């Protein structure tokens, strides 16, 4: 009897892939161990994904939108693995309805994103970007004066919207700077929060009391635009918003208005509602905003580990095992799977 060979597709618009992610040698080598061929397809539309992946047993997904129409058009598909913690690019309900397991990598980039959140916070707190620009323009005395107006971080309050793995690690690092840490997370047990030095509060209370509001929640129906005009008006005028989660967790037009009208002091943003950010986006011209290009998760170490994890999770399903992590707990897989101890 000939051995079973599997077809694994990575369907992406390659233009948007970071160079380290764009190569698939790690995935190809790992999946070859289970007789799986990894094929890349440059896809920009649903139709292109469906055509490329019509015979796929597994999908590897970075940014490609895996919609209900895509999932219902792939009769052999067993698993869709997302490169990363968030899985908002995959219609999870549709996957469940089509007996497709959705896998994410929740232990990816914990150190990197929490580091980046703190870097943005510190850049805002110490006026690093505007000070650098002012110094290069010869305005030494002006920015010496500006920094004397900023309070010390010590005993200020960091409010975390989302206290999962990354949020809790951010809290640990913030506490080293003497920041008090409070959090809003309706799914986190109070005892777990307290173990990590986080006091759970309501969202309005967090916004009112925080000097820095850090968004670390996944993007879903509940969290889309969880920070809008009403919430921004509840923040202190001296407070900063830090976002290393997803752009749409905050209502970007409302945030732009808040920054223009100085409802809040400023923001540190790694993510945007539309990516790449448009050249005409007002955020690019604001002196009270620190911006980075959705790179918080990036390091050579984290990305290599991610690629290996993605390949191994796909291999587990293809060889009849449950993955380590899967999102849609109610899914009834297309194949029988066994659990590993």
C-alpha atoms as a PDB file:
ATOM      1  CA  UNK A   1       0.000   0.000   0.000  1.00  0.00           C
ATOM      2  CA  UNK A   2       1.498   3.370  -0.967  1.00  0.00           C
ATOM      3  CA  UNK A   3       2.228   5.717   1.925  1.00  0.00           C
ATOM      4  CA  UNK A   4      -0.118   8.632   2.487  1.00  0.00           C
ATOM      5  CA  UNK A   5       1.166  11.994   1.347  1.00  0.00           C
ATOM      6  CA  UNK A   6      -0.330  15.198   2.644  1.00  0.00           C
ATOM      7  CA  UNK A   7      -0.611  18.573   0.966  1.00  0.00           C
ATOM      8  CA  UNK A   8       0.041  21.623   3.131  1.00  0.00           C
ATOM      9  CA  UNK A   9      -0.613  25.063   1.664  1.00  0.00           C
ATOM     10  CA  UNK A  10       0.579  28.449   2.795  1.00  0.00           C
ATOM     11  CA  UNK A  11      -1.717  30.975   1.143  1.00  0.00           C
ATOM     12  CA  UNK A  12      -0.513  34.551   1.484  1.00  0.00           C
ATOM     13  CA  UNK A  13      -0.061  37.821  -0.290  1.00  0.00           C
ATOM     14  CA  UNK A  14       3.729  37.569  -0.198  1.00  0.00           C
ATOM     15  CA  UNK A  15       4.181  41.323  -0.528  1.00  0.00           C
ATOM     16  CA  UNK A  16       3.019  41.759   3.070  1.00  0.00           C
ATOM     17  CA  UNK A  17       5.130  38.998   4.637  1.00  0.00           C
ATOM     18  CA  UNK A  18       8.161  39.923   6.766  1.00  0.00           C
ATOM     19  CA  UNK A  19      11.334  38.518   5.133  1.00  0.00           C
ATOM     20  CA  UNK A  20      12.052  36.077   7.974  1.00  0.00           C
ATOM     21  CA  UNK A  21       8.517  34.661   7.722  1.00  0.00           C
ATOM     22  CA  UNK A  22       8.494  34.583   3.924  1.00  0.00           C
ATOM     23  CA  UNK A  23      10.830  31.583   3.672  1.00  0.00           C
ATOM     24  CA  UNK A  24       9.441  28.095   4.381  1.00  0.00           C
ATOM     25  CA  UNK A  25      12.553  25.946   4.804  1.00  0.00           C
ATOM     26  CA  UNK A  26      11.786  25.279   8.477  1.00  0.00           C
ATOM     27  CA  UNK A  27       8.195  24.251   7.776  1.00  0.00           C
ATOM     28  CA  UNK A  28       9.165  22.167   4.737  1.00  0.00           C
ATOM     29  CA  UNK A  29      11.830  20.246   6.644  1.00  0.00           C
ATOM     30  CA  UNK A  30       9.629  19.534   9.647  1.00  0.00           C
ATOM     31  CA  UNK A  31       6.558  18.490   7.652  1.00  0.00           C
ATOM     32  CA  UNK A  32       8.622  16.274   5.351  1.00  0.00           C
ATOM     33  CA  UNK A  33       9.019  13.970   8.372  1.00  0.00           C
ATOM     34  CA  UNK A  34       5.305  13.115   8.126  1.00  0.00           C
ATOM     35  CA  UNK A  35       5.196  12.841   4.313  1.00  0.00           C
ATOM     36  CA  UNK A  36       3.708  16.299   3.823  1.00  0.00           C
ATOM     37  CA  UNK A  37       4.590  18.565   0.927  1.00  0.00           C
ATOM     38  CA  UNK A  38       4.513  22.282   1.695  1.00  0.00           C
ATOM     39  CA  UNK A  39       3.404  24.511  -1.190  1.00  0.00           C
ATOM     40  CA  UNK A  40       3.232  28.313  -1.256  1.00  0.00           C
ATOM     41  CA  UNK A  41       0.605  30.290  -3.124  1.00  0.00           C
ATOM     42  CA  UNK A  42       0.530  34.059  -3.619  1.00  0.00           C
ATOM     43  CA  UNK A  43      -3.150  34.809  -2.968  1.00  0.00           C
ATOM     44  CA  UNK A  44      -4.932  38.131  -2.713  1.00  0.00           C
ATOM     45  CA  UNK A  45      -8.591  37.055  -2.996  1.00  0.00           C
ATOM     46  CA  UNK A  46     -10.948  34.356  -1.736  1.00  0.00           C
ATOM     47  CA  UNK A  47     -11.100  32.825  -5.234  1.00  0.00           C
ATOM     48  CA  UNK A  48      -7.320  32.559  -5.411  1.00  0.00           C
ATOM     49  CA  UNK A  49      -7.154  30.884  -1.988  1.00  0.00           C
ATOM     50  CA  UNK A  50      -9.888  28.408  -2.927  1.00  0.00           C
ATOM     51  CA  UNK A  51      -8.211  27.507  -6.227  1.00  0.00           C
ATOM     52  CA  UNK A  52      -4.762  27.107  -4.653  1.00  0.00           C
ATOM     53  CA  UNK A  53      -5.929  25.131  -1.628  1.00  0.00           C
ATOM     54  CA  UNK A  54      -8.687  22.965  -3.102  1.00  0.00           C
ATOM     55  CA  UNK A  55      -6.713  19.772  -2.365  1.00  0.00           C
ATOM     56  CA  UNK A  56      -5.086  20.931   0.859  1.00  0.00           C
ATOM     57  CA  UNK A  57      -5.079  18.843   4.036  1.00  0.00           C
ATOM     58  CA  UNK A  58      -3.739  21.774   6.069  1.00  0.00           C
ATOM     59  CA  UNK A  59      -3.448  25.551   5.746  1.00  0.00           C
ATOM     60  CA  UNK A  60      -0.681  27.679   7.211  1.00  0.00           C
ATOM     61  CA  UNK A  61      -1.936  31.241   7.623  1.00  0.00           C
ATOM     62  CA  UNK A  62      -0.230  34.549   8.377  1.00  0.00           C
ATOM     63  CA  UNK A  63      -2.525  37.336   7.117  1.00  0.00           C
ATOM     64  CA  UNK A  64      -4.711  35.606   4.503  1.00  0.00           C
ATOM     65  CA  UNK A  65      -8.447  35.896   5.299  1.00  0.00           C
ATOM     66  CA  UNK A  66      -9.817  32.390   5.782  1.00  0.00           C
ATOM     67  CA  UNK A  67     -13.519  33.134   5.446  1.00  0.00           C
ATOM     68  CA  UNK A  68     -16.653  30.976   5.610  1.00  0.00           C
ATOM     69  CA  UNK A  69     -16.706  30.762   1.814  1.00  0.00           C
ATOM     70  CA  UNK A  70     -13.091  29.600   1.736  1.00  0.00           C
ATOM     71  CA  UNK A  71     -13.622  26.997   4.450  1.00  0.00           C
ATOM     72  CA  UNK A  72     -16.785  25.582   2.880  1.00  0.00           C
ATOM     73  CA  UNK A  73     -14.927  25.199  -0.433  1.00  0.00           C
ATOM     74  CA  UNK A  74     -12.059  23.021   0.850  1.00  0.00           C
ATOM     75  CA  UNK A  75     -13.424  19.481   1.306  1.00  0.00           C
ATOM     76  CA  UNK A  76     -10.136  17.855   2.386  1.00  0.00           C
ATOM     77  CA  UNK A  77      -9.057  20.517   4.867  1.00  0.00           C
ATOM     78  CA  UNK A  78      -8.455  19.214   8.379  1.00  0.00           C
ATOM     79  CA  UNK A  79      -6.624  22.055  10.107  1.00  0.00           C
ATOM     80  CA  UNK A  80      -5.782  25.757   9.721  1.00  0.00           C
ATOM     81  CA  UNK A  81      -2.756  26.877  11.714  1.00  0.00           C
ATOM     82  CA  UNK A  82      -2.242  30.581  12.390  1.00  0.00           C
ATOM     83  CA  UNK A  83       1.285  31.985  12.685  1.00  0.00           C
ATOM     84  CA  UNK A  84       0.816  33.769  15.999  1.00  0.00           C
ATOM     85  CA  UNK A  85      -1.307  34.271  19.077  1.00  0.00           C
ATOM     86  CA  UNK A  86      -4.215  36.105  17.426  1.00  0.00           C
ATOM     87  CA  UNK A  87      -6.526  34.264  15.043  1.00  0.00           C
ATOM     88  CA  UNK A  88      -8.833  37.040  13.828  1.00  0.00           C
ATOM     89  CA  UNK A  89      -7.919  36.260  10.201  1.00  0.00           C
ATOM     90  CA  UNK A  90      -9.799  32.932  10.451  1.00  0.00           C
ATOM     91  CA  UNK A  91     -13.584  32.615  10.748  1.00  0.00           C
ATOM     92  CA  UNK A  92     -13.562  30.255  13.736  1.00  0.00           C
ATOM     93  CA  UNK A  93     -17.329  29.618  13.743  1.00  0.00           C
ATOM     94  CA  UNK A  94     -17.218  28.701  10.061  1.00  0.00           C
ATOM     95  CA  UNK A  95     -14.254  26.403  10.687  1.00  0.00           C
ATOM     96  CA  UNK A  96     -16.192  24.615  13.426  1.00  0.00           C
ATOM     97  CA  UNK A  97     -19.213  24.254  11.135  1.00  0.00           C
ATOM     98  CA  UNK A  98     -16.929  22.711   8.489  1.00  0.00           C
ATOM     99  CA  UNK A  99     -15.127  20.360  10.919  1.00  0.00           C
ATOM    100  CA  UNK A 100     -11.810  22.200  10.563  1.00  0.00           C
ATOM    101  CA  UNK A 101      -9.551  22.596  13.602  1.00  0.00           C
ATOM    102  CA  UNK A 102      -8.204  26.120  14.135  1.00  0.00           C
ATOM    103  CA  UNK A 103      -4.805  26.237  15.836  1.00  0.00           C
ATOM    104  CA  UNK A 104      -2.898  29.225  17.201  1.00  0.00           C
ATOM    105  CA  UNK A 105       0.485  29.502  18.939  1.00  0.00           C
ATOM    106  CA  UNK A 106      -0.318  31.182  22.272  1.00  0.00           C
ATOM    107  CA  UNK A 107       3.228  30.910  23.630  1.00  0.00           C
ATOM    108  CA  UNK A 108       4.689  32.884  20.703  1.00  0.00           C
ATOM    109  CA  UNK A 109       6.498  36.211  21.258  1.00  0.00           C
ATOM    110  CA  UNK A 110       5.492  36.702  24.884  1.00  0.00           C
ATOM    111  CA  UNK A 111       8.820  38.298  25.816  1.00  0.00           C
ATOM    112  CA  UNK A 112       9.073  40.337  22.624  1.00  0.00           C
ATOM    113  CA  UNK A 113       5.604  41.922  22.757  1.00  0.00           C
ATOM    114  CA  UNK A 114       5.798  42.681  26.472  1.00  0.00           C
ATOM    115  CA  UNK A 115       9.246  44.224  25.884  1.00  0.00           C
ATOM    116  CA  UNK A 116       7.845  46.298  23.032  1.00  0.00           C
ATOM    117  CA  UNK A 117       4.891  47.498  25.096  1.00  0.00           C
ATOM    118  CA  UNK A 118       7.307  48.697  27.749  1.00  0.00           C
ATOM    119  CA  UNK A 119       9.543  50.291  25.110  1.00  0.00           C
ATOM    120  CA  UNK A 120       6.594  52.293  23.741  1.00  0.00           C
ATOM    121  CA  UNK A 121       5.524  53.227  27.264  1.00  0.00           C
ATOM    122  CA  UNK A 122       9.025  54.419  28.156  1.00  0.00           C
ATOM    123  CA  UNK A 123       9.379  56.318  24.884  1.00  0.00           C
ATOM    124  CA  UNK A 124       6.144  58.155  25.673  1.00  0.00           C
ATOM    125  CA  UNK A 125       7.008  58.721  29.316  1.00  0.00           C
ATOM    126  CA  UNK A 126      10.464  60.127  28.580  1.00  0.00           C
ATOM    127  CA  UNK A 127       9.521  62.030  25.359  1.00  0.00           C
ATOM    128  CA  UNK A 128      12.242  60.142  23.496  1.00  0.00           C
ATOM    129  CA  UNK A 129      11.047  60.764  19.944  1.00  0.00           C
ATOM    130  CA  UNK A 130      10.272  64.468  20.314  1.00  0.00           C
ATOM    131  CA  UNK A 131      13.447  65.034  22.362  1.00  0.00           C
ATOM    132  CA  UNK A 132      15.564  63.372  19.681  1.00  0.00           C
ATOM    133  CA  UNK A 133      13.929  65.478  16.976  1.00  0.00           C
ATOM    134  CA  UNK A 134      14.339  68.650  18.999  1.00  0.00           C
ATOM    135  CA  UNK A 135      17.988  67.958  19.746  1.00  0.00           C
ATOM    136  CA  UNK A 136      18.738  67.327  16.075  1.00  0.00           C
ATOM    137  CA  UNK A 137      17.188  70.721  15.329  1.00  0.00           C
ATOM    138  CA  UNK A 138      19.368  72.410  17.940  1.00  0.00           C
ATOM    139  CA  UNK A 139      16.639  72.952  20.545  1.00  0.00           C
ATOM    140  CA  UNK A 140      18.594  71.726  23.591  1.00  0.00           C
ATOM    141  CA  UNK A 141      17.137  73.958  26.286  1.00  0.00           C
ATOM    142  CA  UNK A 142      13.535  73.612  25.131  1.00  0.00           C
ATOM    143  CA  UNK A 143      13.491  69.855  25.625  1.00  0.00           C
ATOM    144  CA  UNK A 144      15.405  70.007  28.872  1.00  0.00           C
ATOM    145  CA  UNK A 145      12.471  72.082  30.082  1.00  0.00           C
ATOM    146  CA  UNK A 146       9.867  69.736  28.566  1.00  0.00           C
ATOM    147  CA  UNK A 147      11.211  66.668  30.380  1.00  0.00           C
ATOM    148  CA  UNK A 148      11.070  68.434  33.762  1.00  0.00           C
ATOM    149  CA  UNK A 149       7.278  68.623  33.343  1.00  0.00           C
ATOM    150  CA  UNK A 150       6.912  64.838  33.065  1.00  0.00           C
ATOM    151  CA  UNK A 151       6.244  62.895  36.287  1.00  0.00           C
ATOM    152  CA  UNK A 152       8.394  59.965  37.385  1.00  0.00           C
ATOM    153  CA  UNK A 153       7.153  56.514  36.418  1.00  0.00           C
ATOM    154  CA  UNK A 154       7.519  55.418  40.021  1.00  0.00           C
ATOM    155  CA  UNK A 155       4.103  54.852  41.612  1.00  0.00           C
ATOM    156  CA  UNK A 156       2.175  55.803  38.486  1.00  0.00           C
ATOM    157  CA  UNK A 157      -0.491  53.345  37.309  1.00  0.00           C
ATOM    158  CA  UNK A 158      -0.464  51.022  34.310  1.00  0.00           C
ATOM    159  CA  UNK A 159      -3.890  49.731  33.280  1.00  0.00           C
ATOM    160  CA  UNK A 160      -3.874  46.529  31.224  1.00  0.00           C
ATOM    161  CA  UNK A 161      -6.870  45.845  28.998  1.00  0.00           C
ATOM    162  CA  UNK A 162      -6.404  42.104  28.634  1.00  0.00           C
ATOM    163  CA  UNK A 163      -4.387  40.169  31.218  1.00  0.00           C
ATOM    164  CA  UNK A 164      -3.435  37.013  29.344  1.00  0.00           C
ATOM    165  CA  UNK A 165       0.112  35.692  29.015  1.00  0.00           C
ATOM    166  CA  UNK A 166       1.488  38.866  27.415  1.00  0.00           C
ATOM    167  CA  UNK A 167      -0.485  41.189  29.668  1.00  0.00           C
ATOM    168  CA  UNK A 168       0.745  39.451  32.810  1.00  0.00           C
ATOM    169  CA  UNK A 169       4.344  39.508  31.585  1.00  0.00           C
ATOM    170  CA  UNK A 170       4.012  43.223  30.785  1.00  0.00           C
ATOM    171  CA  UNK A 171       2.758  43.762  34.331  1.00  0.00           C
ATOM    172  CA  UNK A 172       5.794  41.968  35.756  1.00  0.00           C
ATOM    173  CA  UNK A 173       8.167  44.183  33.775  1.00  0.00           C
ATOM    174  CA  UNK A 174       6.233  47.353  34.608  1.00  0.00           C
ATOM    175  CA  UNK A 175       6.422  46.539  38.303  1.00  0.00           C
ATOM    176  CA  UNK A 176      10.227  46.647  38.047  1.00  0.00           C
ATOM    177  CA  UNK A 177       9.852  50.367  37.237  1.00  0.00           C
ATOM    178  CA  UNK A 178       7.653  50.895  40.285  1.00  0.00           C
ATOM    179  CA  UNK A 179       4.407  51.099  38.332  1.00  0.00           C
ATOM    180  CA  UNK A 180       1.205  49.995  40.013  1.00  0.00           C
ATOM    181  CA  UNK A 181      -0.645  47.515  37.797  1.00  0.00           C
ATOM    182  CA  UNK A 182      -4.408  47.218  37.441  1.00  0.00           C
ATOM    183  CA  UNK A 183      -6.282  45.242  34.826  1.00  0.00           C
ATOM    184  CA  UNK A 184      -9.570  44.672  33.054  1.00  0.00           C
ATOM    185  CA  UNK A 185     -10.184  41.091  31.953  1.00  0.00           C
ATOM    186  CA  UNK A 186     -13.632  39.523  32.461  1.00  0.00           C
ATOM    187  CA  UNK A 187     -12.220  36.034  31.817  1.00  0.00           C
ATOM    188  CA  UNK A 188      -9.354  36.083  34.315  1.00  0.00           C
ATOM    189  CA  UNK A 189      -9.759  34.670  37.795  1.00  0.00           C
ATOM    190  CA  UNK A 190      -9.129  37.241  40.511  1.00  0.00           C
ATOM    191  CA  UNK A 191      -6.650  34.949  42.304  1.00  0.00           C
ATOM    192  CA  UNK A 192      -4.541  34.565  39.138  1.00  0.00           C
ATOM    193  CA  UNK A 193      -4.458  38.342  38.678  1.00  0.00           C
ATOM    194  CA  UNK A 194      -3.449  38.898  42.297  1.00  0.00           C
ATOM    195  CA  UNK A 195      -0.675  36.302  41.975  1.00  0.00           C
ATOM    196  CA  UNK A 196       0.800  38.503  39.225  1.00  0.00           C
ATOM    197  CA  UNK A 197       0.364  41.746  41.159  1.00  0.00           C
ATOM    198  CA  UNK A 198      -2.626  42.921  39.106  1.00  0.00           C
ATOM    199  CA  UNK A 199      -5.743  44.350  40.728  1.00  0.00           C
ATOM    200  CA  UNK A 200      -8.796  43.637  38.567  1.00  0.00           C
ATOM    201  CA  UNK A 201     -11.180  46.583  38.083  1.00  0.00           C
ATOM    202  CA  UNK A 202     -13.960  47.590  35.704  1.00  0.00           C
ATOM    203  CA  UNK A 203     -13.014  49.165  32.387  1.00  0.00           C
ATOM    204  CA  UNK A 204     -14.325  52.646  33.370  1.00  0.00           C
ATOM    205  CA  UNK A 205     -12.347  52.489  36.621  1.00  0.00           C
ATOM    206  CA  UNK A 206      -9.201  51.433  34.776  1.00  0.00           C
ATOM    207  CA  UNK A 207      -9.518  54.274  32.275  1.00  0.00           C
ATOM    208  CA  UNK A 208     -10.118  56.844  35.023  1.00  0.00           C
ATOM    209  CA  UNK A 209      -7.191  55.744  37.221  1.00  0.00           C
ATOM    210  CA  UNK A 210      -4.465  54.797  34.722  1.00  0.00           C
ATOM    211  CA  UNK A 211      -1.555  56.952  33.634  1.00  0.00           C
ATOM    212  CA  UNK A 212      -0.836  54.424  30.867  1.00  0.00           C
ATOM    213  CA  UNK A 213      -3.528  52.250  29.284  1.00  0.00           C
ATOM    214  CA  UNK A 214      -1.995  49.237  27.537  1.00  0.00           C
ATOM    215  CA  UNK A 215      -4.095  47.149  25.134  1.00  0.00           C
ATOM    216  CA  UNK A 216      -3.130  43.454  25.252  1.00  0.00           C
ATOM    217  CA  UNK A 217      -6.412  41.786  24.314  1.00  0.00           C
ATOM    218  CA  UNK A 218      -7.135  39.614  21.275  1.00  0.00           C
ATOM    219  CA  UNK A 219      -9.373  41.086  18.567  1.00  0.00           C
ATOM    220  CA  UNK A 220     -12.851  39.570  18.479  1.00  0.00           C
ATOM    221  CA  UNK A 221     -16.501  40.684  18.444  1.00  0.00           C
ATOM    222  CA  UNK A 222     -16.306  41.746  22.085  1.00  0.00           C
ATOM    223  CA  UNK A 223     -13.085  43.722  21.826  1.00  0.00           C
ATOM    224  CA  UNK A 224     -13.406  45.434  18.442  1.00  0.00           C
ATOM    225  CA  UNK A 225     -13.390  49.183  19.207  1.00  0.00           C
ATOM    226  CA  UNK A 226     -13.497  48.472  22.934  1.00  0.00           C
ATOM    227  CA  UNK A 227     -11.632  51.784  23.168  1.00  0.00           C
ATOM    228  CA  UNK A 228     -13.779  54.385  21.420  1.00  0.00           C
ATOM    229  CA  UNK A 229     -14.608  58.056  21.852  1.00  0.00           C
ATOM    230  CA  UNK A 230     -16.473  57.494  25.120  1.00  0.00           C
ATOM    231  CA  UNK A 231     -13.592  55.505  26.618  1.00  0.00           C
ATOM    232  CA  UNK A 232     -10.920  57.960  25.470  1.00  0.00           C
ATOM    233  CA  UNK A 233     -12.821  60.784  27.160  1.00  0.00           C
ATOM    234  CA  UNK A 234     -12.720  58.782  30.410  1.00  0.00           C
ATOM    235  CA  UNK A 235      -8.902  58.739  30.399  1.00  0.00           C
ATOM    236  CA  UNK A 236      -6.790  61.339  32.170  1.00  0.00           C
ATOM    237  CA  UNK A 237      -5.631  64.220  29.929  1.00  0.00           C
ATOM    238  CA  UNK A 238      -2.093  63.308  31.038  1.00  0.00           C
ATOM    239  CA  UNK A 239      -2.482  59.601  30.136  1.00  0.00           C
ATOM    240  CA  UNK A 240      -1.013  57.637  27.232  1.00  0.00           C
ATOM    241  CA  UNK A 241      -2.556  54.797  25.226  1.00  0.00           C
ATOM    242  CA  UNK A 242      -0.233  51.899  24.295  1.00  0.00           C
ATOM    243  CA  UNK A 243      -1.399  49.347  21.693  1.00  0.00           C
ATOM    244  CA  UNK A 244       0.570  46.222  20.789  1.00  0.00           C
ATOM    245  CA  UNK A 245      -2.549  44.066  20.320  1.00  0.00           C
ATOM    246  CA  UNK A 246      -4.547  44.753  17.139  1.00  0.00           C
ATOM    247  CA  UNK A 247      -5.323  48.098  15.550  1.00  0.00           C
ATOM    248  CA  UNK A 248      -9.092  47.624  15.620  1.00  0.00           C
ATOM    249  CA  UNK A 249      -9.185  47.152  19.390  1.00  0.00           C
ATOM    250  CA  UNK A 250      -9.156  50.962  19.386  1.00  0.00           C
ATOM    251  CA  UNK A 251     -11.415  53.033  17.132  1.00  0.00           C
ATOM    252  CA  UNK A 252      -8.693  54.761  15.105  1.00  0.00           C
ATOM    253  CA  UNK A 253     -10.683  57.838  13.971  1.00  0.00           C
ATOM    254  CA  UNK A 254     -11.737  58.400  17.592  1.00  0.00           C
ATOM    255  CA  UNK A 255      -8.112  58.012  18.719  1.00  0.00           C
ATOM    256  CA  UNK A 256      -6.922  60.515  16.106  1.00  0.00           C
ATOM    257  CA  UNK A 257      -9.534  62.983  17.349  1.00  0.00           C
ATOM    258  CA  UNK A 258      -8.480  62.395  20.963  1.00  0.00           C
ATOM    259  CA  UNK A 259      -4.828  63.029  20.112  1.00  0.00           C
ATOM    260  CA  UNK A 260      -5.574  66.130  18.029  1.00  0.00           C
ATOM    261  CA  UNK A 261      -7.777  67.665  20.695  1.00  0.00           C
ATOM    262  CA  UNK A 262      -5.471  66.539  23.522  1.00  0.00           C
ATOM    263  CA  UNK A 263      -8.068  64.531  25.425  1.00  0.00           C
ATOM    264  CA  UNK A 264      -5.058  62.341  26.214  1.00  0.00           C
ATOM    265  CA  UNK A 265      -1.353  63.172  26.277  1.00  0.00           C
ATOM    266  CA  UNK A 266      -0.278  60.776  23.543  1.00  0.00           C
ATOM    267  CA  UNK A 267       0.003  57.212  22.299  1.00  0.00           C
ATOM    268  CA  UNK A 268       2.493  54.465  21.493  1.00  0.00           C
ATOM    269  CA  UNK A 269       1.179  52.324  18.629  1.00  0.00           C
ATOM    270  CA  UNK A 270       2.539  49.213  16.942  1.00  0.00           C
ATOM    271  CA  UNK A 271      -0.728  48.277  15.199  1.00  0.00           C
ATOM    272  CA  UNK A 272      -3.280  50.058  13.013  1.00  0.00           C
ATOM    273  CA  UNK A 273      -6.748  49.423  11.650  1.00  0.00           C
ATOM    274  CA  UNK A 274      -5.408  49.344   8.084  1.00  0.00           C
ATOM    275  CA  UNK A 275      -1.954  47.865   7.526  1.00  0.00           C
ATOM    276  CA  UNK A 276       0.430  48.891   6.114  1.00  0.00           C
ATOM    277  CA  UNK A 277      -0.490  52.333   7.430  1.00  0.00           C
ATOM    278  CA  UNK A 278      -1.450  54.773   4.677  1.00  0.00           C
ATOM    279  CA  UNK A 279       0.904  57.636   3.820  1.00  0.00           C
ATOM    280  CA  UNK A 280      -1.940  60.090   4.466  1.00  0.00           C
ATOM    281  CA  UNK A 281      -2.774  58.766   7.931  1.00  0.00           C
ATOM    282  CA  UNK A 282      -2.811  61.738  10.366  1.00  0.00           C
ATOM    283  CA  UNK A 283      -1.013  59.668  13.008  1.00  0.00           C
ATOM    284  CA  UNK A 284       2.194  59.992  10.972  1.00  0.00           C
ATOM    285  CA  UNK A 285       2.240  63.761  11.448  1.00  0.00           C
ATOM    286  CA  UNK A 286       1.474  63.932  15.177  1.00  0.00           C
ATOM    287  CA  UNK A 287       4.197  64.929  17.606  1.00  0.00           C
ATOM    288  CA  UNK A 288       2.547  63.162  20.546  1.00  0.00           C
ATOM    289  CA  UNK A 289       2.575  59.672  18.987  1.00  0.00           C
ATOM    290  CA  UNK A 290       5.300  57.000  18.861  1.00  0.00           C
ATOM    291  CA  UNK A 291       4.787  54.565  15.966  1.00  0.00           C
ATOM    292  CA  UNK A 292       6.310  51.234  14.958  1.00  0.00           C
ATOM    293  CA  UNK A 293       5.324  49.040  11.959  1.00  0.00           C
ATOM    294  CA  UNK A 294       3.588  46.050  13.635  1.00  0.00           C
ATOM    295  CA  UNK A 295       6.936  44.610  14.641  1.00  0.00           C
ATOM    296  CA  UNK A 296       6.459  43.973  18.368  1.00  0.00           C
ATOM    297  CA  UNK A 297       6.582  40.200  17.929  1.00  0.00           C
ATOM    298  CA  UNK A 298       9.686  40.210  15.781  1.00  0.00           C
ATOM    299  CA  UNK A 299      13.027  38.721  16.724  1.00  0.00           C
ATOM    300  CA  UNK A 300      15.095  36.107  14.938  1.00  0.00           C
ATOM    301  CA  UNK A 301      14.614  33.783  17.907  1.00  0.00           C
ATOM    302  CA  UNK A 302      10.844  34.144  18.200  1.00  0.00           C
ATOM    303  CA  UNK A 303      10.158  33.828  14.468  1.00  0.00           C
ATOM    304  CA  UNK A 304      12.247  30.676  14.032  1.00  0.00           C
ATOM    305  CA  UNK A 305      10.499  29.124  17.035  1.00  0.00           C
ATOM    306  CA  UNK A 306       7.136  30.171  15.607  1.00  0.00           C
ATOM    307  CA  UNK A 307       7.759  28.526  12.247  1.00  0.00           C
ATOM    308  CA  UNK A 308       8.771  25.277  13.936  1.00  0.00           C
ATOM    309  CA  UNK A 309       5.694  25.359  16.202  1.00  0.00           C
ATOM    310  CA  UNK A 310       3.351  25.956  13.253  1.00  0.00           C
ATOM    311  CA  UNK A 311       4.811  23.022  11.331  1.00  0.00           C
ATOM    312  CA  UNK A 312       4.659  20.683  14.327  1.00  0.00           C
ATOM    313  CA  UNK A 313       1.047  21.558  15.090  1.00  0.00           C
ATOM    314  CA  UNK A 314       0.024  20.822  11.493  1.00  0.00           C
ATOM    315  CA  UNK A 315       2.012  17.561  11.617  1.00  0.00           C
ATOM    316  CA  UNK A 316       0.214  16.452  14.781  1.00  0.00           C
ATOM    317  CA  UNK A 317      -3.191  16.727  13.146  1.00  0.00           C
ATOM    318  CA  UNK A 318      -2.053  15.101   9.904  1.00  0.00           C
ATOM    319  CA  UNK A 319      -0.716  12.111  11.847  1.00  0.00           C
ATOM    320  CA  UNK A 320      -3.890  11.628  13.872  1.00  0.00           C
ATOM    321  CA  UNK A 321      -3.079  13.553  17.051  1.00  0.00           C
ATOM    322  CA  UNK A 322      -4.736  16.527  18.679  1.00  0.00           C
ATOM    323  CA  UNK A 323      -2.613  19.690  18.509  1.00  0.00           C
ATOM    324  CA  UNK A 324      -1.230  21.248  21.676  1.00  0.00           C
ATOM    325  CA  UNK A 325      -3.490  24.259  21.280  1.00  0.00           C
ATOM    326  CA  UNK A 326      -6.722  24.672  19.390  1.00  0.00           C
ATOM    327  CA  UNK A 327      -9.198  27.494  19.431  1.00  0.00           C
ATOM    328  CA  UNK A 328     -12.559  25.951  18.517  1.00  0.00           C
ATOM    329  CA  UNK A 329     -13.048  23.555  21.433  1.00  0.00           C
ATOM    330  CA  UNK A 330     -16.412  22.294  20.090  1.00  0.00           C
ATOM    331  CA  UNK A 331     -15.053  21.208  16.701  1.00  0.00           C
ATOM    332  CA  UNK A 332     -15.730  17.691  15.467  1.00  0.00           C
ATOM    333  CA  UNK A 333     -12.661  16.895  13.340  1.00  0.00           C
ATOM    334  CA  UNK A 334     -12.886  15.291   9.915  1.00  0.00           C
ATOM    335  CA  UNK A 335     -10.518  12.569  11.129  1.00  0.00           C
ATOM    336  CA  UNK A 336     -10.230  10.652  14.387  1.00  0.00           C
ATOM    337  CA  UNK A 337      -7.586  12.179  16.644  1.00  0.00           C
ATOM    338  CA  UNK A 338      -5.918  10.857  19.791  1.00  0.00           C
ATOM    339  CA  UNK A 339      -4.678  12.940  22.692  1.00  0.00           C
ATOM    340  CA  UNK A 340      -1.017  12.827  23.673  1.00  0.00           C
ATOM    341  CA  UNK A 341      -0.040  12.934  27.339  1.00  0.00           C
END
